[in-house]
PDB file of all heavy atoms in Angstrom:
ATOM      1  N   ALA A   1     -22.670-109.549  80.957  1.00  0.00           N
ATOM      2  CA  ALA A   1     -21.496-110.457  80.955  1.00  0.00           C
ATOM      3  C   ALA A   1     -20.942-110.706  79.528  1.00  0.00           C
ATOM      4  O   ALA A   1     -19.921-111.110  79.517  1.00  0.00           O
ATOM      5  CB  ALA A   1     -22.024-111.790  81.549  1.00  0.00           C
ATOM      6  N   SER A   2     -21.777-110.589  78.539  1.00  0.00           N
ATOM      7  CA  SER A   2     -21.283-110.905  77.150  1.00  0.00           C
ATOM      8  C   SER A   2     -22.010-110.165  76.120  1.00  0.00           C
ATOM      9  O   SER A   2     -23.119-109.672  76.428  1.00  0.00           O
ATOM     10  CB  SER A   2     -21.467-112.396  76.990  1.00  0.00           C
ATOM     11  OG  SER A   2     -22.813-112.910  76.916  1.00  0.00           O
ATOM     12  N   LYS A   3     -21.599-110.222  74.995  1.00  0.00           N
ATOM     13  CA  LYS A   3     -22.204-109.519  73.862  1.00  0.00           C
ATOM     14  C   LYS A   3     -23.404-110.239  73.537  1.00  0.00           C
ATOM     15  O   LYS A   3     -23.483-111.520  73.422  1.00  0.00           O
ATOM     16  CB  LYS A   3     -21.149-109.438  72.699  1.00  0.00           C
ATOM     17  CG  LYS A   3     -21.603-108.584  71.640  1.00  0.00           C
ATOM     18  CD  LYS A   3     -20.399-108.497  70.598  1.00  0.00           C
ATOM     19  CE  LYS A   3     -20.606-107.411  69.663  1.00  0.00           C
ATOM     20  NZ  LYS A   3     -19.574-107.450  68.716  1.00  0.00           N
ATOM     21  N   GLN A   4     -24.520-109.597  73.183  1.00  0.00           N
ATOM     22  CA  GLN A   4     -25.812-110.051  72.764  1.00  0.00           C
ATOM     23  C   GLN A   4     -26.060-109.756  71.220  1.00  0.00           C
ATOM     24  O   GLN A   4     -25.840-108.590  70.998  1.00  0.00           O
ATOM     25  CB  GLN A   4     -26.880-109.755  73.604  1.00  0.00           C
ATOM     26  CG  GLN A   4     -26.786-110.092  75.024  1.00  0.00           C
ATOM     27  CD  GLN A   4     -27.982-109.532  75.894  1.00  0.00           C
ATOM     28  OE1 GLN A   4     -28.485-108.460  75.509  1.00  0.00           O
ATOM     29  NE2 GLN A   4     -28.138-110.124  76.996  1.00  0.00           N
ATOM     30  N   GLN A   5     -26.458-110.714  70.466  1.00  0.00           N
ATOM     31  CA  GLN A   5     -26.758-110.361  69.059  1.00  0.00           C
ATOM     32  C   GLN A   5     -28.093-110.841  68.780  1.00  0.00           C
ATOM     33  O   GLN A   5     -28.472-111.963  69.163  1.00  0.00           O
ATOM     34  CB  GLN A   5     -25.756-110.988  68.151  1.00  0.00           C
ATOM     35  CG  GLN A   5     -25.828-110.561  66.689  1.00  0.00           C
ATOM     36  CD  GLN A   5     -24.643-110.756  65.853  1.00  0.00           C
ATOM     37  OE1 GLN A   5     -23.653-111.217  66.316  1.00  0.00           O
ATOM     38  NE2 GLN A   5     -24.788-110.549  64.624  1.00  0.00           N
ATOM     39  N   PHE A   6     -28.964-109.957  68.307  1.00  0.00           N
ATOM     40  CA  PHE A   6     -30.399-110.274  68.033  1.00  0.00           C
ATOM     41  C   PHE A   6     -30.573-110.561  66.538  1.00  0.00           C
ATOM     42  O   PHE A   6     -29.900-109.906  65.713  1.00  0.00           O
ATOM     43  CB  PHE A   6     -31.358-109.203  68.414  1.00  0.00           C
ATOM     44  CG  PHE A   6     -31.536-108.999  69.861  1.00  0.00           C
ATOM     45  CD1 PHE A   6     -30.574-108.363  70.673  1.00  0.00           C
ATOM     46  CD2 PHE A   6     -32.592-109.572  70.579  1.00  0.00           C
ATOM     47  CE1 PHE A   6     -30.729-108.262  72.012  1.00  0.00           C
ATOM     48  CE2 PHE A   6     -32.758-109.423  71.804  1.00  0.00           C
ATOM     49  CZ  PHE A   6     -31.846-108.744  72.655  1.00  0.00           C
ATOM     50  N   PHE A   7     -31.376-111.510  66.174  1.00  0.00           N
ATOM     51  CA  PHE A   7     -31.756-111.893  64.859  1.00  0.00           C
ATOM     52  C   PHE A   7     -33.306-111.787  64.754  1.00  0.00           C
ATOM     53  O   PHE A   7     -33.967-112.305  65.618  1.00  0.00           O
ATOM     54  CB  PHE A   7     -31.213-113.245  64.429  1.00  0.00           C
ATOM     55  CG  PHE A   7     -29.756-113.392  64.467  1.00  0.00           C
ATOM     56  CD1 PHE A   7     -28.997-113.662  65.680  1.00  0.00           C
ATOM     57  CD2 PHE A   7     -28.894-113.042  63.448  1.00  0.00           C
ATOM     58  CE1 PHE A   7     -27.794-113.689  65.801  1.00  0.00           C
ATOM     59  CE2 PHE A   7     -27.548-113.135  63.552  1.00  0.00           C
ATOM     60  CZ  PHE A   7     -26.985-113.450  64.637  1.00  0.00           C
ATOM     61  N   GLY A   8     -33.852-111.157  63.737  1.00  0.00           N
ATOM     62  CA  GLY A   8     -35.236-111.015  63.638  1.00  0.00           C
ATOM     63  C   GLY A   8     -35.568-109.932  64.517  1.00  0.00           C
ATOM     64  O   GLY A   8     -34.896-108.837  64.640  1.00  0.00           O
ATOM     65  N   ALA A   9     -36.807-109.934  65.136  1.00  0.00           N
ATOM     66  CA  ALA A   9     -37.290-108.804  65.891  1.00  0.00           C
ATOM     67  C   ALA A   9     -36.525-108.769  67.303  1.00  0.00           C
ATOM     68  O   ALA A   9     -36.214-109.796  67.832  1.00  0.00           O
ATOM     69  CB  ALA A   9     -38.744-109.121  66.221  1.00  0.00           C
ATOM     70  N   GLN A  10     -36.174-107.448  67.565  1.00  0.00           N
ATOM     71  CA  GLN A  10     -35.480-107.232  68.918  1.00  0.00           C
ATOM     72  C   GLN A  10     -36.553-107.283  69.960  1.00  0.00           C
ATOM     73  O   GLN A  10     -37.622-106.849  69.864  1.00  0.00           O
ATOM     74  CB  GLN A  10     -34.629-106.038  68.884  1.00  0.00           C
ATOM     75  CG  GLN A  10     -33.855-105.892  69.969  1.00  0.00           C
ATOM     76  CD  GLN A  10     -32.699-104.774  69.923  1.00  0.00           C
ATOM     77  OE1 GLN A  10     -32.673-104.093  68.842  1.00  0.00           O
ATOM     78  NE2 GLN A  10     -31.894-104.712  70.874  1.00  0.00           N
ATOM     79  N   PHE A  11     -36.206-107.927  71.087  1.00  0.00           N
ATOM     80  CA  PHE A  11     -37.175-108.067  72.274  1.00  0.00           C
ATOM     81  C   PHE A  11     -36.389-108.025  73.480  1.00  0.00           C
ATOM     82  O   PHE A  11     -35.214-108.107  73.585  1.00  0.00           O
ATOM     83  CB  PHE A  11     -37.921-109.273  72.113  1.00  0.00           C
ATOM     84  CG  PHE A  11     -37.153-110.581  72.186  1.00  0.00           C
ATOM     85  CD1 PHE A  11     -36.798-111.315  73.334  1.00  0.00           C
ATOM     86  CD2 PHE A  11     -36.475-111.072  70.991  1.00  0.00           C
ATOM     87  CE1 PHE A  11     -36.048-112.347  73.387  1.00  0.00           C
ATOM     88  CE2 PHE A  11     -35.713-112.125  71.084  1.00  0.00           C
ATOM     89  CZ  PHE A  11     -35.382-112.772  72.154  1.00  0.00           C
ATOM     90  N   ASP A  12     -37.165-107.898  74.607  1.00  0.00           N
ATOM     91  CA  ASP A  12     -36.576-107.774  75.909  1.00  0.00           C
ATOM     92  C   ASP A  12     -36.469-109.238  76.411  1.00  0.00           C
ATOM     93  O   ASP A  12     -37.419-109.948  76.603  1.00  0.00           O
ATOM     94  CB  ASP A  12     -37.431-107.070  76.952  1.00  0.00           C
ATOM     95  CG  ASP A  12     -36.839-106.913  78.269  1.00  0.00           C
ATOM     96  OD1 ASP A  12     -35.733-107.460  78.542  1.00  0.00           O
ATOM     97  OD2 ASP A  12     -37.527-106.243  79.173  1.00  0.00           O
ATOM     98  N   PRO A  13     -35.190-109.712  76.571  1.00  0.00           N
ATOM     99  CA  PRO A  13     -35.111-111.195  77.063  1.00  0.00           C
ATOM    100  C   PRO A  13     -35.477-111.513  78.471  1.00  0.00           C
ATOM    101  O   PRO A  13     -35.537-112.604  78.929  1.00  0.00           O
ATOM    102  CB  PRO A  13     -33.552-111.516  76.815  1.00  0.00           C
ATOM    103  CG  PRO A  13     -32.995-110.262  76.611  1.00  0.00           C
ATOM    104  CD  PRO A  13     -34.024-109.164  76.263  1.00  0.00           C
ATOM    105  N   ALA A  14     -35.718-110.388  79.241  1.00  0.00           N
ATOM    106  CA  ALA A  14     -36.078-110.567  80.710  1.00  0.00           C
ATOM    107  C   ALA A  14     -37.351-111.360  80.709  1.00  0.00           C
ATOM    108  O   ALA A  14     -38.228-111.165  79.895  1.00  0.00           O
ATOM    109  CB  ALA A  14     -36.260-109.148  81.345  1.00  0.00           C
ATOM    110  N   GLY A  15     -37.570-112.207  81.699  1.00  0.00           N
ATOM    111  CA  GLY A  15     -38.660-113.103  81.947  1.00  0.00           C
ATOM    112  C   GLY A  15     -38.808-114.338  81.003  1.00  0.00           C
ATOM    113  O   GLY A  15     -39.742-114.990  81.142  1.00  0.00           O
ATOM    114  N   ALA A  16     -37.673-114.529  80.336  1.00  0.00           N
ATOM    115  CA  ALA A  16     -37.715-115.891  79.561  1.00  0.00           C
ATOM    116  C   ALA A  16     -37.708-117.104  80.481  1.00  0.00           C
ATOM    117  O   ALA A  16     -37.019-117.016  81.605  1.00  0.00           O
ATOM    118  CB  ALA A  16     -36.587-115.869  78.647  1.00  0.00           C
ATOM    119  N   VAL A  17     -38.463-117.954  80.230  1.00  0.00           N
ATOM    120  CA  VAL A  17     -38.543-119.270  80.961  1.00  0.00           C
ATOM    121  C   VAL A  17     -37.493-120.299  80.548  1.00  0.00           C
ATOM    122  O   VAL A  17     -37.094-120.248  79.421  1.00  0.00           O
ATOM    123  CB  VAL A  17     -39.915-119.900  81.050  1.00  0.00           C
ATOM    124  CG1 VAL A  17     -41.069-118.908  81.525  1.00  0.00           C
ATOM    125  CG2 VAL A  17     -40.392-120.395  79.574  1.00  0.00           C
ATOM    126  N   PRO A  18     -37.157-121.214  81.403  1.00  0.00           N
ATOM    127  CA  PRO A  18     -36.229-122.276  80.945  1.00  0.00           C
ATOM    128  C   PRO A  18     -37.025-123.138  79.956  1.00  0.00           C
ATOM    129  O   PRO A  18     -38.150-123.213  80.017  1.00  0.00           O
ATOM    130  CB  PRO A  18     -35.984-123.116  82.270  1.00  0.00           C
ATOM    131  CG  PRO A  18     -36.343-122.199  83.379  1.00  0.00           C
ATOM    132  CD  PRO A  18     -37.347-121.287  82.748  1.00  0.00           C
ATOM    133  N   VAL A  19     -36.200-123.609  78.978  1.00  0.00           N
ATOM    134  CA  VAL A  19     -36.862-124.402  77.842  1.00  0.00           C
ATOM    135  C   VAL A  19     -37.709-125.590  78.418  1.00  0.00           C
ATOM    136  O   VAL A  19     -38.665-125.979  77.688  1.00  0.00           O
ATOM    137  CB  VAL A  19     -35.770-124.885  76.755  1.00  0.00           C
ATOM    138  CG1 VAL A  19     -34.909-125.964  77.424  1.00  0.00           C
ATOM    139  CG2 VAL A  19     -36.372-125.378  75.597  1.00  0.00           C
ATOM    140  N   THR A  20     -37.364-126.139  79.548  1.00  0.00           N
ATOM    141  CA  THR A  20     -38.073-127.230  79.987  1.00  0.00           C
ATOM    142  C   THR A  20     -39.510-126.904  80.395  1.00  0.00           C
ATOM    143  O   THR A  20     -40.351-127.800  80.582  1.00  0.00           O
ATOM    144  CB  THR A  20     -37.342-127.799  81.367  1.00  0.00           C
ATOM    145  OG1 THR A  20     -37.192-126.716  82.239  1.00  0.00           O
ATOM    146  CG2 THR A  20     -35.977-128.372  81.016  1.00  0.00           C
ATOM    147  N   GLU A  21     -39.741-125.610  80.499  1.00  0.00           N
ATOM    148  CA  GLU A  21     -41.141-125.196  80.818  1.00  0.00           C
ATOM    149  C   GLU A  21     -42.116-125.140  79.661  1.00  0.00           C
ATOM    150  O   GLU A  21     -43.312-125.106  79.817  1.00  0.00           O
ATOM    151  CB  GLU A  21     -41.167-123.823  81.519  1.00  0.00           C
ATOM    152  CG  GLU A  21     -40.462-123.726  82.889  1.00  0.00           C
ATOM    153  CD  GLU A  21     -41.153-124.573  83.882  1.00  0.00           C
ATOM    154  OE1 GLU A  21     -42.312-124.406  84.141  1.00  0.00           O
ATOM    155  OE2 GLU A  21     -40.488-125.395  84.657  1.00  0.00           O
ATOM    156  N   VAL A  22     -41.556-125.127  78.505  1.00  0.00           N
ATOM    157  CA  VAL A  22     -42.356-124.941  77.217  1.00  0.00           C
ATOM    158  C   VAL A  22     -43.334-126.110  77.058  1.00  0.00           C
ATOM    159  O   VAL A  22     -44.529-125.902  76.830  1.00  0.00           O
ATOM    160  CB  VAL A  22     -41.396-124.845  75.982  1.00  0.00           C
ATOM    161  CG1 VAL A  22     -42.271-124.841  74.743  1.00  0.00           C
ATOM    162  CG2 VAL A  22     -40.566-123.600  76.122  1.00  0.00           C
ATOM    163  N   ALA A  23     -42.878-127.388  77.269  1.00  0.00           N
ATOM    164  CA  ALA A  23     -43.810-128.610  77.189  1.00  0.00           C
ATOM    165  C   ALA A  23     -44.925-128.439  78.223  1.00  0.00           C
ATOM    166  O   ALA A  23     -46.066-128.657  77.797  1.00  0.00           O
ATOM    167  CB  ALA A  23     -42.955-129.929  77.325  1.00  0.00           C
ATOM    168  N   LYS A  24     -44.644-128.045  79.323  1.00  0.00           N
ATOM    169  CA  LYS A  24     -45.713-127.822  80.439  1.00  0.00           C
ATOM    170  C   LYS A  24     -46.665-126.788  80.007  1.00  0.00           C
ATOM    171  O   LYS A  24     -47.855-126.952  80.226  1.00  0.00           O
ATOM    172  CB  LYS A  24     -45.052-127.478  81.788  1.00  0.00           C
ATOM    173  CG  LYS A  24     -44.176-128.597  82.373  1.00  0.00           C
ATOM    174  CD  LYS A  24     -43.397-128.082  83.629  1.00  0.00           C
ATOM    175  CE  LYS A  24     -42.344-129.104  83.989  1.00  0.00           C
ATOM    176  NZ  LYS A  24     -41.482-128.598  85.019  1.00  0.00           N
ATOM    177  N   MET A  25     -46.200-125.707  79.397  1.00  0.00           N
ATOM    178  CA  MET A  25     -47.126-124.656  79.029  1.00  0.00           C
ATOM    179  C   MET A  25     -48.008-125.060  77.861  1.00  0.00           C
ATOM    180  O   MET A  25     -49.087-124.497  77.706  1.00  0.00           O
ATOM    181  CB  MET A  25     -46.253-123.315  78.593  1.00  0.00           C
ATOM    182  CG  MET A  25     -45.416-122.835  79.708  1.00  0.00           C
ATOM    183  SD  MET A  25     -44.244-121.524  79.244  1.00  0.00           S
ATOM    184  CE  MET A  25     -45.429-120.114  78.903  1.00  0.00           C
ATOM    185  N   LEU A  26     -47.596-126.014  77.068  1.00  0.00           N
ATOM    186  CA  LEU A  26     -48.295-126.508  75.857  1.00  0.00           C
ATOM    187  C   LEU A  26     -49.462-127.521  76.313  1.00  0.00           C
ATOM    188  O   LEU A  26     -50.334-127.781  75.485  1.00  0.00           O
ATOM    189  CB  LEU A  26     -47.435-127.106  74.861  1.00  0.00           C
ATOM    190  CG  LEU A  26     -46.972-126.255  73.753  1.00  0.00           C
ATOM    191  CD1 LEU A  26     -45.837-126.973  72.934  1.00  0.00           C
ATOM    192  CD2 LEU A  26     -48.052-125.704  72.853  1.00  0.00           C
ATOM    193  N   GLU A  27     -49.406-128.061  77.491  1.00  0.00           N
ATOM    194  CA  GLU A  27     -50.292-129.109  77.912  1.00  0.00           C
ATOM    195  C   GLU A  27     -51.723-128.580  77.742  1.00  0.00           C
ATOM    196  O   GLU A  27     -52.142-127.498  78.398  1.00  0.00           O
ATOM    197  CB  GLU A  27     -50.032-129.583  79.423  1.00  0.00           C
ATOM    198  CG  GLU A  27     -48.835-130.321  79.474  1.00  0.00           C
ATOM    199  CD  GLU A  27     -48.497-130.776  80.939  1.00  0.00           C
ATOM    200  OE1 GLU A  27     -49.342-130.496  81.790  1.00  0.00           O
ATOM    201  OE2 GLU A  27     -47.357-131.340  81.078  1.00  0.00           O
ATOM    202  N   GLY A  28     -52.496-129.294  76.908  1.00  0.00           N
ATOM    203  CA  GLY A  28     -53.853-128.948  76.753  1.00  0.00           C
ATOM    204  C   GLY A  28     -54.167-127.767  75.821  1.00  0.00           C
ATOM    205  O   GLY A  28     -55.265-127.358  75.621  1.00  0.00           O
ATOM    206  N   LYS A  29     -53.128-127.306  75.182  1.00  0.00           N
ATOM    207  CA  LYS A  29     -53.200-126.173  74.161  1.00  0.00           C
ATOM    208  C   LYS A  29     -52.553-126.532  72.890  1.00  0.00           C
ATOM    209  O   LYS A  29     -51.734-127.460  72.817  1.00  0.00           O
ATOM    210  CB  LYS A  29     -52.480-124.956  74.738  1.00  0.00           C
ATOM    211  CG  LYS A  29     -52.920-124.419  75.995  1.00  0.00           C
ATOM    212  CD  LYS A  29     -52.066-123.258  76.595  1.00  0.00           C
ATOM    213  CE  LYS A  29     -52.657-122.889  77.888  1.00  0.00           C
ATOM    214  NZ  LYS A  29     -51.683-121.938  78.510  1.00  0.00           N
ATOM    215  N   GLU A  30     -52.974-125.954  71.821  1.00  0.00           N
ATOM    216  CA  GLU A  30     -52.434-126.152  70.482  1.00  0.00           C
ATOM    217  C   GLU A  30     -51.193-125.376  70.262  1.00  0.00           C
ATOM    218  O   GLU A  30     -50.209-125.897  69.573  1.00  0.00           O
ATOM    219  CB  GLU A  30     -53.392-125.785  69.427  1.00  0.00           C
ATOM    220  CG  GLU A  30     -54.557-126.753  69.240  1.00  0.00           C
ATOM    221  CD  GLU A  30     -55.430-126.412  67.961  1.00  0.00           C
ATOM    222  OE1 GLU A  30     -54.974-125.827  67.078  1.00  0.00           O
ATOM    223  OE2 GLU A  30     -56.596-126.705  68.109  1.00  0.00           O
ATOM    224  N   SER A  31     -51.098-124.234  70.896  1.00  0.00           N
ATOM    225  CA  SER A  31     -49.984-123.428  70.742  1.00  0.00           C
ATOM    226  C   SER A  31     -49.766-122.413  71.855  1.00  0.00           C
ATOM    227  O   SER A  31     -50.707-122.251  72.708  1.00  0.00           O
ATOM    228  CB  SER A  31     -49.846-122.620  69.456  1.00  0.00           C
ATOM    229  OG  SER A  31     -50.968-121.632  69.439  1.00  0.00           O
ATOM    230  N   VAL A  32     -48.704-121.851  72.194  1.00  0.00           N
ATOM    231  CA  VAL A  32     -48.454-120.953  73.218  1.00  0.00           C
ATOM    232  C   VAL A  32     -47.252-119.918  72.820  1.00  0.00           C
ATOM    233  O   VAL A  32     -46.309-120.289  72.219  1.00  0.00           O
ATOM    234  CB  VAL A  32     -48.012-121.664  74.623  1.00  0.00           C
ATOM    235  CG1 VAL A  32     -46.700-122.369  74.513  1.00  0.00           C
ATOM    236  CG2 VAL A  32     -48.054-120.708  75.691  1.00  0.00           C
ATOM    237  N   GLN A  33     -47.576-118.651  73.045  1.00  0.00           N
ATOM    238  CA  GLN A  33     -46.612-117.547  72.835  1.00  0.00           C
ATOM    239  C   GLN A  33     -45.663-117.623  74.084  1.00  0.00           C
ATOM    240  O   GLN A  33     -46.117-117.602  75.181  1.00  0.00           O
ATOM    241  CB  GLN A  33     -47.420-116.236  72.631  1.00  0.00           C
ATOM    242  CG  GLN A  33     -46.434-115.003  72.610  1.00  0.00           C
ATOM    243  CD  GLN A  33     -45.848-114.771  71.200  1.00  0.00           C
ATOM    244  OE1 GLN A  33     -46.642-115.128  70.186  1.00  0.00           O
ATOM    245  NE2 GLN A  33     -44.699-114.268  71.041  1.00  0.00           N
ATOM    246  N   VAL A  34     -44.433-117.635  73.932  1.00  0.00           N
ATOM    247  CA  VAL A  34     -43.415-117.780  74.919  1.00  0.00           C
ATOM    248  C   VAL A  34     -42.065-117.226  74.591  1.00  0.00           C
ATOM    249  O   VAL A  34     -41.746-117.263  73.386  1.00  0.00           O
ATOM    250  CB  VAL A  34     -43.291-119.193  75.378  1.00  0.00           C
ATOM    251  CG1 VAL A  34     -42.789-120.120  74.370  1.00  0.00           C
ATOM    252  CG2 VAL A  34     -42.627-119.438  76.747  1.00  0.00           C
ATOM    253  N   LYS A  35     -41.302-116.913  75.510  1.00  0.00           N
ATOM    254  CA  LYS A  35     -39.843-116.508  75.397  1.00  0.00           C
ATOM    255  C   LYS A  35     -39.121-117.601  76.291  1.00  0.00           C
ATOM    256  O   LYS A  35     -39.554-117.766  77.528  1.00  0.00           O
ATOM    257  CB  LYS A  35     -39.510-115.218  76.012  1.00  0.00           C
ATOM    258  CG  LYS A  35     -39.968-114.024  75.213  1.00  0.00           C
ATOM    259  CD  LYS A  35     -39.435-112.653  75.740  1.00  0.00           C
ATOM    260  CE  LYS A  35     -39.943-112.341  77.033  1.00  0.00           C
ATOM    261  NZ  LYS A  35     -39.656-111.106  77.570  1.00  0.00           N
ATOM    262  N   PHE A  36     -38.163-118.417  75.768  1.00  0.00           N
ATOM    263  CA  PHE A  36     -37.459-119.339  76.485  1.00  0.00           C
ATOM    264  C   PHE A  36     -35.994-119.250  76.344  1.00  0.00           C
ATOM    265  O   PHE A  36     -35.536-118.650  75.355  1.00  0.00           O
ATOM    266  CB  PHE A  36     -37.983-120.716  76.239  1.00  0.00           C
ATOM    267  CG  PHE A  36     -37.550-121.209  74.829  1.00  0.00           C
ATOM    268  CD1 PHE A  36     -36.311-121.806  74.677  1.00  0.00           C
ATOM    269  CD2 PHE A  36     -38.416-121.083  73.841  1.00  0.00           C
ATOM    270  CE1 PHE A  36     -35.942-122.241  73.315  1.00  0.00           C
ATOM    271  CE2 PHE A  36     -38.026-121.598  72.561  1.00  0.00           C
ATOM    272  CZ  PHE A  36     -36.729-122.215  72.375  1.00  0.00           C
ATOM    273  N   THR A  37     -35.241-119.710  77.254  1.00  0.00           N
ATOM    274  CA  THR A  37     -33.753-119.774  77.180  1.00  0.00           C
ATOM    275  C   THR A  37     -33.332-121.199  77.078  1.00  0.00           C
ATOM    276  O   THR A  37     -33.903-122.059  77.543  1.00  0.00           O
ATOM    277  CB  THR A  37     -33.179-119.127  78.363  1.00  0.00           C
ATOM    278  OG1 THR A  37     -31.719-118.951  78.216  1.00  0.00           O
ATOM    279  CG2 THR A  37     -33.450-119.767  79.659  1.00  0.00           C
ATOM    280  N   SER A  38     -32.312-121.352  76.257  1.00  0.00           N
ATOM    281  CA  SER A  38     -31.741-122.684  75.988  1.00  0.00           C
ATOM    282  C   SER A  38     -30.276-122.577  75.559  1.00  0.00           C
ATOM    283  O   SER A  38     -29.760-121.544  75.390  1.00  0.00           O
ATOM    284  CB  SER A  38     -32.587-123.392  74.968  1.00  0.00           C
ATOM    285  OG  SER A  38     -32.186-124.751  74.902  1.00  0.00           O
ATOM    286  N   THR A  39     -29.810-123.772  75.107  1.00  0.00           N
ATOM    287  CA  THR A  39     -28.413-123.833  74.468  1.00  0.00           C
ATOM    288  C   THR A  39     -28.572-124.308  73.067  1.00  0.00           C
ATOM    289  O   THR A  39     -29.171-125.310  72.883  1.00  0.00           O
ATOM    290  CB  THR A  39     -27.589-124.722  75.347  1.00  0.00           C
ATOM    291  OG1 THR A  39     -27.541-124.297  76.647  1.00  0.00           O
ATOM    292  CG2 THR A  39     -26.090-124.781  74.722  1.00  0.00           C
TER     293      THR A  39
END
């Protein structure tokens, strides 16, 4: 649908979770590796 521009490491954006899921994923953990989508 639109042009995509990558900065830093190029990665597959497929499977990214909504940003609202990040806080839930962090519950009980110090850190979490994740791909998320936001504005």
